[in-house]
Amino acid sequence: MCTLVLAGCGGAARVVARDDADPWRPPSPEPVQLELETLDGNGVELATLRGRPVLVNYFATWCVPCINELPRLNDLVPEEGETPGDLQIVGVSLDRGGRSDLEAFVKATQLRFAIALADEATLRGETPFGALPAVPASYLLDAEGRTVERFRGVVPIGYLKRRVAALAVTRGDDVRAD
């Protein structure tokens, strides 16, 4: 087994990717299983989010592309009191700096989606999607929880909107992409 330390986002390298698993392996026909503690202490389990597409976004507060991407993802989340959109987002923080640093970052950026704390396996680069290839990295799941798209680096928002709209149509909703 060879270990590769990811340092592509600048700052100190903190996440490890392994080459003993293909990070771009074909998606399984089975739903992805993921359960992590969230910043608010409630926890998130992907199985409870079934029914709408989910984007799982791995990020770090020391990663400049992540910092630029998070507000764009946040724009896809309805404001409080608005009708829920078609996409649910779960951010997974790869930071080791402690809960208080992450809480301050989330407050400053006003993120409105669930922020999960990476467990030790995730910090080693091991995810239910395979080895973590880079930071940021995102995975789009369909309404049944199956991986349908992978993004290495920043997610192209226009493409993501069209892809989510297409997933909504395949499950019978009448949705248009902007």
N, C-alpha and C. Protein backbone atom coordinates (compact mmCIF):
# COMPACT_ATOMS: atom_id res chain seq x y z
N MET A 1 0.85 -1.17 0.00
CA MET A 1 0.00 0.00 0.00
C MET A 1 0.89 1.23 0.00
N CYS A 2 0.56 2.18 -0.82
CA CYS A 2 1.27 3.46 -0.90
C CYS A 2 0.35 4.54 -0.35
N THR A 3 0.89 5.45 0.42
CA THR A 3 0.10 6.53 0.98
C THR A 3 0.53 7.83 0.34
N LEU A 4 -0.44 8.65 -0.01
CA LEU A 4 -0.19 9.94 -0.64
C LEU A 4 -0.82 11.01 0.23
N VAL A 5 -0.04 12.00 0.62
CA VAL A 5 -0.58 13.10 1.40
C VAL A 5 -1.06 14.17 0.44
N LEU A 6 -2.31 14.59 0.61
CA LEU A 6 -2.88 15.62 -0.25
C LEU A 6 -2.51 17.00 0.29
N ALA A 7 -1.95 17.82 -0.56
CA ALA A 7 -1.62 19.17 -0.15
C ALA A 7 -2.04 20.17 -1.23
N GLY A 8 -2.97 19.78 -2.08
CA GLY A 8 -3.35 20.59 -3.22
C GLY A 8 -4.03 21.88 -2.90
N CYS A 9 -4.60 22.03 -1.72
CA CYS A 9 -5.33 23.25 -1.39
C CYS A 9 -4.48 24.25 -0.64
N GLY A 10 -3.23 23.98 -0.43
CA GLY A 10 -2.42 24.90 0.35
C GLY A 10 -2.56 24.59 1.82
N GLY A 11 -1.80 25.24 2.61
CA GLY A 11 -1.85 24.99 4.04
C GLY A 11 -1.19 23.67 4.36
N ALA A 12 -1.24 23.31 5.59
CA ALA A 12 -0.62 22.04 6.01
C ALA A 12 -1.43 20.88 5.49
N ALA A 13 -0.76 19.87 5.02
CA ALA A 13 -1.44 18.68 4.52
C ALA A 13 -2.02 17.93 5.70
N ARG A 14 -3.31 17.59 5.61
CA ARG A 14 -3.97 16.95 6.74
C ARG A 14 -4.76 15.71 6.34
N VAL A 15 -4.99 15.51 5.09
CA VAL A 15 -5.82 14.41 4.64
C VAL A 15 -4.96 13.45 3.84
N VAL A 16 -5.20 12.19 4.01
CA VAL A 16 -4.40 11.18 3.33
C VAL A 16 -5.29 10.42 2.36
N ALA A 17 -4.82 10.25 1.12
CA ALA A 17 -5.52 9.41 0.15
C ALA A 17 -4.67 8.17 -0.07
N ARG A 18 -5.32 7.06 -0.27
CA ARG A 18 -4.61 5.80 -0.44
C ARG A 18 -4.74 5.34 -1.88
N ASP A 19 -3.70 4.68 -2.38
CA ASP A 19 -3.77 4.19 -3.76
C ASP A 19 -4.17 2.73 -3.85
N ASP A 20 -4.58 2.10 -2.74
CA ASP A 20 -4.99 0.71 -2.80
C ASP A 20 -6.48 0.57 -3.15
N ALA A 21 -7.15 1.68 -3.37
CA ALA A 21 -8.54 1.68 -3.81
C ALA A 21 -8.68 2.70 -4.93
N ASP A 22 -9.43 2.38 -5.94
CA ASP A 22 -9.65 3.30 -7.05
C ASP A 22 -10.67 4.35 -6.61
N PRO A 23 -10.27 5.62 -6.48
CA PRO A 23 -11.22 6.62 -6.02
C PRO A 23 -12.35 6.87 -7.00
N TRP A 24 -12.21 6.43 -8.22
CA TRP A 24 -13.24 6.65 -9.23
C TRP A 24 -13.89 5.35 -9.66
N ARG A 25 -13.95 4.38 -8.75
CA ARG A 25 -14.59 3.10 -9.06
C ARG A 25 -16.06 3.33 -9.42
N PRO A 26 -16.62 2.43 -10.22
CA PRO A 26 -18.03 2.59 -10.61
C PRO A 26 -18.93 2.60 -9.38
N PRO A 27 -19.98 3.38 -9.42
CA PRO A 27 -20.88 3.42 -8.25
C PRO A 27 -21.56 2.08 -8.05
N SER A 28 -21.81 1.79 -6.81
CA SER A 28 -22.51 0.57 -6.45
C SER A 28 -24.00 0.77 -6.69
N PRO A 29 -24.71 -0.26 -7.07
CA PRO A 29 -26.17 -0.13 -7.19
C PRO A 29 -26.84 -0.02 -5.83
N GLU A 30 -26.07 -0.25 -4.78
CA GLU A 30 -26.60 -0.17 -3.42
C GLU A 30 -26.52 1.26 -2.90
N PRO A 31 -27.45 1.67 -2.05
CA PRO A 31 -27.37 3.01 -1.44
C PRO A 31 -26.12 3.15 -0.58
N VAL A 32 -25.58 4.35 -0.55
CA VAL A 32 -24.40 4.66 0.25
C VAL A 32 -24.81 4.74 1.71
N GLN A 33 -24.01 4.14 2.57
CA GLN A 33 -24.25 4.20 4.01
C GLN A 33 -23.22 5.14 4.63
N LEU A 34 -23.68 6.18 5.30
CA LEU A 34 -22.79 7.12 5.96
C LEU A 34 -23.52 7.70 7.15
N GLU A 35 -22.86 7.68 8.30
CA GLU A 35 -23.42 8.26 9.51
C GLU A 35 -22.27 8.95 10.24
N LEU A 36 -22.43 10.26 10.47
CA LEU A 36 -21.39 11.05 11.13
C LEU A 36 -22.04 12.01 12.12
N GLU A 37 -21.26 12.41 13.11
CA GLU A 37 -21.69 13.43 14.06
C GLU A 37 -21.69 14.78 13.34
N THR A 38 -22.70 15.60 13.61
CA THR A 38 -22.75 16.93 13.01
C THR A 38 -22.30 17.97 14.02
N LEU A 39 -21.99 19.13 13.52
CA LEU A 39 -21.51 20.22 14.34
C LEU A 39 -22.53 20.60 15.42
N ASP A 40 -23.82 20.48 15.08
CA ASP A 40 -24.85 20.83 16.07
C ASP A 40 -25.13 19.70 17.05
N GLY A 41 -24.42 18.57 16.90
CA GLY A 41 -24.55 17.45 17.83
C GLY A 41 -25.65 16.46 17.49
N ASN A 42 -26.43 16.73 16.45
CA ASN A 42 -27.54 15.84 16.11
C ASN A 42 -27.13 14.61 15.32
N GLY A 43 -26.12 14.71 14.52
CA GLY A 43 -25.72 13.60 13.66
C GLY A 43 -26.49 13.62 12.36
N VAL A 44 -25.90 13.00 11.35
CA VAL A 44 -26.55 12.87 10.05
C VAL A 44 -26.34 11.46 9.56
N GLU A 45 -27.40 10.89 9.03
CA GLU A 45 -27.35 9.55 8.44
C GLU A 45 -27.99 9.64 7.06
N LEU A 46 -27.23 9.26 6.03
CA LEU A 46 -27.74 9.41 4.67
C LEU A 46 -29.04 8.66 4.45
N ALA A 47 -29.24 7.54 5.13
CA ALA A 47 -30.47 6.77 4.95
C ALA A 47 -31.71 7.58 5.30
N THR A 48 -31.58 8.55 6.21
CA THR A 48 -32.73 9.37 6.60
C THR A 48 -33.02 10.49 5.60
N LEU A 49 -32.12 10.69 4.64
CA LEU A 49 -32.28 11.77 3.66
C LEU A 49 -32.84 11.27 2.34
N ARG A 50 -33.23 10.03 2.27
CA ARG A 50 -33.75 9.47 1.02
C ARG A 50 -35.02 10.21 0.60
N GLY A 51 -35.25 10.25 -0.70
CA GLY A 51 -36.43 10.92 -1.24
C GLY A 51 -36.07 12.12 -2.10
N ARG A 52 -34.90 12.71 -1.85
CA ARG A 52 -34.39 13.82 -2.66
C ARG A 52 -32.90 13.59 -2.89
N PRO A 53 -32.35 14.13 -3.99
CA PRO A 53 -30.91 14.00 -4.20
C PRO A 53 -30.12 14.66 -3.07
N VAL A 54 -28.93 14.11 -2.82
CA VAL A 54 -28.04 14.61 -1.76
C VAL A 54 -26.66 14.84 -2.36
N LEU A 55 -26.05 15.96 -2.02
CA LEU A 55 -24.66 16.21 -2.37
C LEU A 55 -23.85 16.12 -1.08
N VAL A 56 -22.88 15.20 -1.06
CA VAL A 56 -21.96 15.09 0.07
C VAL A 56 -20.67 15.77 -0.36
N ASN A 57 -20.30 16.82 0.36
CA ASN A 57 -19.15 17.65 0.00
C ASN A 57 -18.09 17.56 1.10
N TYR A 58 -16.90 17.06 0.74
CA TYR A 58 -15.78 17.00 1.67
C TYR A 58 -14.97 18.27 1.50
N PHE A 59 -14.75 19.00 2.60
CA PHE A 59 -14.07 20.30 2.54
C PHE A 59 -13.19 20.48 3.76
N ALA A 60 -12.39 21.52 3.71
CA ALA A 60 -11.58 21.92 4.86
C ALA A 60 -11.50 23.44 4.89
N THR A 61 -11.43 24.00 6.08
CA THR A 61 -11.40 25.46 6.20
C THR A 61 -10.06 26.04 5.78
N TRP A 62 -9.03 25.22 5.63
CA TRP A 62 -7.72 25.68 5.18
C TRP A 62 -7.56 25.58 3.67
N CYS A 63 -8.58 25.09 2.99
CA CYS A 63 -8.54 24.84 1.55
C CYS A 63 -9.20 26.02 0.82
N VAL A 64 -8.41 26.79 0.08
CA VAL A 64 -8.93 27.98 -0.60
C VAL A 64 -10.05 27.63 -1.60
N PRO A 65 -9.90 26.61 -2.45
CA PRO A 65 -11.02 26.28 -3.34
C PRO A 65 -12.29 25.91 -2.57
N CYS A 66 -12.13 25.25 -1.42
CA CYS A 66 -13.29 24.91 -0.60
C CYS A 66 -13.98 26.17 -0.09
N ILE A 67 -13.18 27.11 0.41
CA ILE A 67 -13.71 28.36 0.94
C ILE A 67 -14.48 29.12 -0.14
N ASN A 68 -14.01 29.05 -1.37
CA ASN A 68 -14.70 29.70 -2.49
C ASN A 68 -15.96 28.94 -2.91
N GLU A 69 -15.93 27.62 -2.77
CA GLU A 69 -17.06 26.80 -3.20
C GLU A 69 -18.23 26.81 -2.23
N LEU A 70 -17.97 26.83 -0.94
CA LEU A 70 -19.03 26.68 0.06
C LEU A 70 -20.14 27.72 -0.06
N PRO A 71 -19.85 29.01 -0.27
CA PRO A 71 -20.96 29.96 -0.44
C PRO A 71 -21.81 29.67 -1.67
N ARG A 72 -21.19 29.15 -2.73
CA ARG A 72 -21.95 28.81 -3.94
C ARG A 72 -22.87 27.62 -3.67
N LEU A 73 -22.40 26.66 -2.88
CA LEU A 73 -23.27 25.55 -2.49
C LEU A 73 -24.37 26.05 -1.56
N ASN A 74 -24.02 26.95 -0.67
CA ASN A 74 -24.98 27.52 0.27
C ASN A 74 -26.13 28.21 -0.46
N ASP A 75 -25.83 28.82 -1.60
CA ASP A 75 -26.87 29.49 -2.40
C ASP A 75 -27.92 28.50 -2.92
N LEU A 76 -27.61 27.22 -2.94
CA LEU A 76 -28.55 26.21 -3.41
C LEU A 76 -29.52 25.77 -2.31
N VAL A 77 -29.26 26.20 -1.08
CA VAL A 77 -30.08 25.82 0.07
C VAL A 77 -31.08 26.93 0.35
N PRO A 78 -32.37 26.59 0.47
CA PRO A 78 -33.37 27.63 0.73
C PRO A 78 -33.14 28.31 2.07
N GLU A 79 -33.52 29.59 2.13
CA GLU A 79 -33.50 30.33 3.40
C GLU A 79 -34.55 29.71 4.32
N GLU A 80 -34.41 29.96 5.61
CA GLU A 80 -35.39 29.46 6.57
C GLU A 80 -36.77 29.99 6.21
N GLY A 81 -37.75 29.11 6.20
CA GLY A 81 -39.11 29.48 5.86
C GLY A 81 -39.46 29.30 4.39
N GLU A 82 -38.44 29.16 3.54
CA GLU A 82 -38.69 28.92 2.11
C GLU A 82 -38.99 27.44 1.88
N THR A 83 -39.61 27.16 0.75
CA THR A 83 -39.90 25.78 0.38
C THR A 83 -38.60 25.02 0.17
N PRO A 84 -38.49 23.82 0.74
CA PRO A 84 -37.27 23.04 0.52
C PRO A 84 -37.01 22.80 -0.96
N GLY A 85 -35.77 22.89 -1.35
CA GLY A 85 -35.40 22.65 -2.74
C GLY A 85 -35.28 21.15 -3.01
N ASP A 86 -34.81 20.85 -4.20
CA ASP A 86 -34.68 19.45 -4.57
C ASP A 86 -33.38 18.83 -4.10
N LEU A 87 -32.43 19.64 -3.69
CA LEU A 87 -31.12 19.12 -3.31
C LEU A 87 -30.87 19.32 -1.82
N GLN A 88 -30.44 18.26 -1.18
CA GLN A 88 -29.97 18.33 0.20
C GLN A 88 -28.45 18.28 0.17
N ILE A 89 -27.80 19.05 1.02
CA ILE A 89 -26.34 19.10 1.05
C ILE A 89 -25.85 18.73 2.44
N VAL A 90 -24.83 17.89 2.47
CA VAL A 90 -24.14 17.54 3.70
C VAL A 90 -22.67 17.86 3.49
N GLY A 91 -22.14 18.78 4.27
CA GLY A 91 -20.73 19.09 4.24
C GLY A 91 -20.00 18.23 5.26
N VAL A 92 -18.85 17.70 4.90
CA VAL A 92 -18.04 16.91 5.83
C VAL A 92 -16.72 17.63 6.00
N SER A 93 -16.50 18.17 7.20
CA SER A 93 -15.30 18.93 7.49
C SER A 93 -14.13 17.98 7.78
N LEU A 94 -13.02 18.24 7.10
CA LEU A 94 -11.80 17.45 7.30
C LEU A 94 -10.83 18.16 8.23
N ASP A 95 -11.31 19.16 8.94
CA ASP A 95 -10.46 19.94 9.84
C ASP A 95 -10.18 19.18 11.13
N ARG A 96 -8.98 19.36 11.64
CA ARG A 96 -8.59 18.77 12.92
C ARG A 96 -8.45 19.85 14.00
N GLY A 97 -8.78 21.08 13.65
CA GLY A 97 -8.54 22.20 14.54
C GLY A 97 -9.48 22.32 15.72
N GLY A 98 -10.47 21.51 15.79
CA GLY A 98 -11.39 21.58 16.92
C GLY A 98 -12.74 22.15 16.53
N ARG A 99 -13.70 21.78 17.31
CA ARG A 99 -15.09 22.16 17.07
C ARG A 99 -15.28 23.67 17.09
N SER A 100 -14.62 24.38 18.01
CA SER A 100 -14.85 25.83 18.14
C SER A 100 -14.37 26.58 16.89
N ASP A 101 -13.24 26.14 16.30
CA ASP A 101 -12.76 26.78 15.07
C ASP A 101 -13.76 26.57 13.93
N LEU A 102 -14.28 25.37 13.82
CA LEU A 102 -15.24 25.07 12.77
C LEU A 102 -16.55 25.82 13.00
N GLU A 103 -17.00 25.88 14.25
CA GLU A 103 -18.22 26.63 14.55
C GLU A 103 -18.07 28.10 14.15
N ALA A 104 -16.92 28.68 14.42
CA ALA A 104 -16.68 30.08 14.04
C ALA A 104 -16.70 30.23 12.53
N PHE A 105 -16.11 29.29 11.80
CA PHE A 105 -16.10 29.34 10.34
C PHE A 105 -17.52 29.25 9.79
N VAL A 106 -18.31 28.30 10.30
CA VAL A 106 -19.68 28.11 9.82
C VAL A 106 -20.52 29.35 10.12
N LYS A 107 -20.32 29.93 11.29
CA LYS A 107 -21.06 31.15 11.63
C LYS A 107 -20.68 32.30 10.70
N ALA A 108 -19.39 32.45 10.45
CA ALA A 108 -18.91 33.54 9.58
C ALA A 108 -19.39 33.38 8.15
N THR A 109 -19.46 32.16 7.67
CA THR A 109 -19.90 31.91 6.29
C THR A 109 -21.40 31.71 6.18
N GLN A 110 -22.09 31.62 7.30
CA GLN A 110 -23.55 31.48 7.36
C GLN A 110 -24.04 30.26 6.57
N LEU A 111 -23.33 29.15 6.69
CA LEU A 111 -23.74 27.93 5.99
C LEU A 111 -25.07 27.43 6.55
N ARG A 112 -25.98 27.05 5.64
CA ARG A 112 -27.31 26.61 6.03
C ARG A 112 -27.52 25.11 5.83
N PHE A 113 -26.49 24.39 5.52
CA PHE A 113 -26.64 22.94 5.36
C PHE A 113 -25.90 22.22 6.48
N ALA A 114 -26.22 20.95 6.65
CA ALA A 114 -25.62 20.16 7.72
C ALA A 114 -24.11 20.06 7.54
N ILE A 115 -23.39 20.26 8.63
CA ILE A 115 -21.94 20.12 8.61
C ILE A 115 -21.58 18.97 9.54
N ALA A 116 -21.01 17.93 8.95
CA ALA A 116 -20.59 16.75 9.71
C ALA A 116 -19.10 16.82 10.00
N LEU A 117 -18.71 16.20 11.08
CA LEU A 117 -17.31 16.14 11.48
C LEU A 117 -16.72 14.82 10.99
N ALA A 118 -15.62 14.89 10.28
CA ALA A 118 -14.98 13.67 9.77
C ALA A 118 -14.54 12.79 10.93
N ASP A 119 -14.78 11.49 10.78
CA ASP A 119 -14.27 10.55 11.77
C ASP A 119 -12.82 10.18 11.41
N GLU A 120 -12.19 9.35 12.20
CA GLU A 120 -10.78 9.01 11.96
C GLU A 120 -10.58 8.34 10.60
N ALA A 121 -11.49 7.47 10.19
CA ALA A 121 -11.35 6.81 8.89
C ALA A 121 -11.39 7.83 7.76
N THR A 122 -12.31 8.79 7.85
CA THR A 122 -12.41 9.83 6.82
C THR A 122 -11.16 10.68 6.80
N LEU A 123 -10.62 11.01 7.95
CA LEU A 123 -9.39 11.79 8.01
C LEU A 123 -8.21 11.04 7.41
N ARG A 124 -8.29 9.71 7.36
CA ARG A 124 -7.27 8.90 6.68
C ARG A 124 -7.55 8.80 5.17
N GLY A 125 -8.64 9.42 4.71
CA GLY A 125 -8.98 9.39 3.29
C GLY A 125 -9.92 8.27 2.91
N GLU A 126 -10.45 7.54 3.88
CA GLU A 126 -11.36 6.42 3.61
C GLU A 126 -12.80 6.90 3.75
N THR A 127 -13.56 6.78 2.66
CA THR A 127 -14.97 7.19 2.67
C THR A 127 -15.82 6.06 2.11
N PRO A 128 -17.13 6.14 2.28
CA PRO A 128 -18.00 5.12 1.67
C PRO A 128 -17.97 5.16 0.15
N PHE A 129 -17.39 6.22 -0.42
CA PHE A 129 -17.30 6.38 -1.86
C PHE A 129 -15.99 5.86 -2.41
N GLY A 130 -15.12 5.39 -1.56
CA GLY A 130 -13.78 4.98 -1.94
C GLY A 130 -12.77 5.95 -1.35
N ALA A 131 -11.53 5.85 -1.80
CA ALA A 131 -10.49 6.73 -1.29
C ALA A 131 -10.78 8.17 -1.68
N LEU A 132 -10.55 9.08 -0.76
CA LEU A 132 -10.77 10.50 -1.02
C LEU A 132 -9.68 10.99 -1.96
N PRO A 133 -10.05 11.44 -3.16
CA PRO A 133 -9.04 11.77 -4.17
C PRO A 133 -8.43 13.15 -4.04
N ALA A 134 -9.14 14.09 -3.43
CA ALA A 134 -8.70 15.49 -3.36
C ALA A 134 -9.63 16.22 -2.41
N VAL A 135 -9.29 17.46 -2.16
CA VAL A 135 -10.15 18.33 -1.38
C VAL A 135 -10.27 19.63 -2.16
N PRO A 136 -11.46 20.10 -2.49
CA PRO A 136 -12.74 19.49 -2.18
C PRO A 136 -13.04 18.30 -3.08
N ALA A 137 -13.93 17.46 -2.60
CA ALA A 137 -14.47 16.35 -3.38
C ALA A 137 -15.94 16.23 -3.01
N SER A 138 -16.78 15.98 -4.01
CA SER A 138 -18.22 15.89 -3.76
C SER A 138 -18.80 14.69 -4.49
N TYR A 139 -19.89 14.19 -3.93
CA TYR A 139 -20.57 13.02 -4.48
C TYR A 139 -22.05 13.30 -4.50
N LEU A 140 -22.67 13.15 -5.67
CA LEU A 140 -24.10 13.38 -5.82
C LEU A 140 -24.80 12.03 -5.75
N LEU A 141 -25.79 11.95 -4.88
CA LEU A 141 -26.58 10.74 -4.71
C LEU A 141 -27.98 10.97 -5.24
N ASP A 142 -28.57 9.94 -5.82
CA ASP A 142 -29.96 10.06 -6.28
C ASP A 142 -30.89 9.93 -5.08
N ALA A 143 -32.19 10.00 -5.32
CA ALA A 143 -33.18 9.97 -4.25
C ALA A 143 -33.18 8.66 -3.48
N GLU A 144 -32.61 7.61 -4.07
CA GLU A 144 -32.52 6.32 -3.39
C GLU A 144 -31.20 6.15 -2.66
N GLY A 145 -30.32 7.16 -2.73
CA GLY A 145 -29.07 7.11 -2.00
C GLY A 145 -27.91 6.48 -2.75
N ARG A 146 -28.05 6.29 -4.06
CA ARG A 146 -26.97 5.71 -4.87
C ARG A 146 -26.13 6.81 -5.50
N THR A 147 -24.81 6.61 -5.56
CA THR A 147 -23.91 7.59 -6.16
C THR A 147 -24.16 7.65 -7.66
N VAL A 148 -24.41 8.86 -8.17
CA VAL A 148 -24.63 9.03 -9.60
C VAL A 148 -23.61 9.96 -10.25
N GLU A 149 -22.85 10.69 -9.41
CA GLU A 149 -21.88 11.64 -9.96
C GLU A 149 -20.81 11.89 -8.91
N ARG A 150 -19.57 12.08 -9.40
CA ARG A 150 -18.44 12.41 -8.53
C ARG A 150 -17.78 13.68 -9.05
N PHE A 151 -17.35 14.52 -8.13
CA PHE A 151 -16.68 15.76 -8.51
C PHE A 151 -15.36 15.85 -7.75
N ARG A 152 -14.27 15.88 -8.46
CA ARG A 152 -12.96 16.11 -7.87
C ARG A 152 -12.66 17.59 -8.05
N GLY A 153 -12.51 18.31 -6.94
CA GLY A 153 -12.35 19.76 -7.03
C GLY A 153 -13.69 20.44 -6.90
N VAL A 154 -13.73 21.70 -7.30
CA VAL A 154 -14.93 22.53 -7.15
C VAL A 154 -16.06 22.02 -8.05
N VAL A 155 -17.25 21.96 -7.49
CA VAL A 155 -18.43 21.51 -8.23
C VAL A 155 -18.88 22.59 -9.20
N PRO A 156 -19.07 22.26 -10.48
CA PRO A 156 -19.64 23.24 -11.42
C PRO A 156 -21.14 23.42 -11.13
N ILE A 157 -21.51 24.55 -10.57
CA ILE A 157 -22.86 24.77 -10.05
C ILE A 157 -23.93 24.66 -11.14
N GLY A 158 -23.69 25.24 -12.31
CA GLY A 158 -24.68 25.15 -13.39
C GLY A 158 -24.94 23.70 -13.78
N TYR A 159 -23.88 22.93 -13.91
CA TYR A 159 -24.02 21.51 -14.24
C TYR A 159 -24.76 20.78 -13.12
N LEU A 160 -24.40 21.08 -11.88
CA LEU A 160 -25.06 20.43 -10.74
C LEU A 160 -26.56 20.71 -10.75
N LYS A 161 -26.95 21.94 -10.99
CA LYS A 161 -28.38 22.29 -11.05
C LYS A 161 -29.10 21.47 -12.13
N ARG A 162 -28.47 21.37 -13.32
CA ARG A 162 -29.09 20.60 -14.41
C ARG A 162 -29.18 19.12 -14.04
N ARG A 163 -28.15 18.61 -13.41
CA ARG A 163 -28.12 17.19 -13.02
C ARG A 163 -29.18 16.89 -11.97
N VAL A 164 -29.34 17.79 -10.99
CA VAL A 164 -30.36 17.62 -9.95
C VAL A 164 -31.75 17.70 -10.58
N ALA A 165 -31.95 18.63 -11.51
CA ALA A 165 -33.24 18.73 -12.20
C ALA A 165 -33.54 17.44 -12.96
N ALA A 166 -32.54 16.88 -13.61
CA ALA A 166 -32.74 15.63 -14.34
C ALA A 166 -33.08 14.49 -13.38
N LEU A 167 -32.45 14.47 -12.22
CA LEU A 167 -32.78 13.44 -11.23
C LEU A 167 -34.21 13.60 -10.73
N ALA A 168 -34.65 14.86 -10.56
CA ALA A 168 -36.02 15.11 -10.12
C ALA A 168 -37.02 14.64 -11.15
N VAL A 169 -36.71 14.85 -12.42
CA VAL A 169 -37.60 14.41 -13.50
C VAL A 169 -37.68 12.89 -13.53
N THR A 170 -36.56 12.21 -13.31
CA THR A 170 -36.57 10.74 -13.36
C THR A 170 -37.38 10.15 -12.22
N ARG A 171 -37.58 10.94 -11.15
CA ARG A 171 -38.43 10.41 -10.08
C ARG A 171 -39.86 10.95 -10.16
N GLY A 172 -40.14 11.73 -11.25
CA GLY A 172 -41.50 12.15 -11.52
C GLY A 172 -41.86 13.56 -11.11
N ASP A 173 -40.90 14.33 -10.60
CA ASP A 173 -41.19 15.71 -10.23
C ASP A 173 -41.13 16.59 -11.45
N ASP A 174 -41.83 17.71 -11.43
CA ASP A 174 -41.77 18.69 -12.51
C ASP A 174 -40.89 19.84 -12.04
N VAL A 175 -39.61 19.77 -12.41
CA VAL A 175 -38.64 20.76 -11.95
C VAL A 175 -37.87 21.28 -13.14
N ARG A 176 -37.56 22.58 -13.11
CA ARG A 176 -36.74 23.18 -14.16
C ARG A 176 -35.44 23.70 -13.57
N ALA A 177 -34.35 23.54 -14.28
CA ALA A 177 -33.06 24.11 -13.85
C ALA A 177 -32.97 25.55 -14.29
N ASP A 178 -32.40 26.40 -13.44
CA ASP A 178 -32.22 27.80 -13.80
C ASP A 178 -31.01 27.97 -14.66
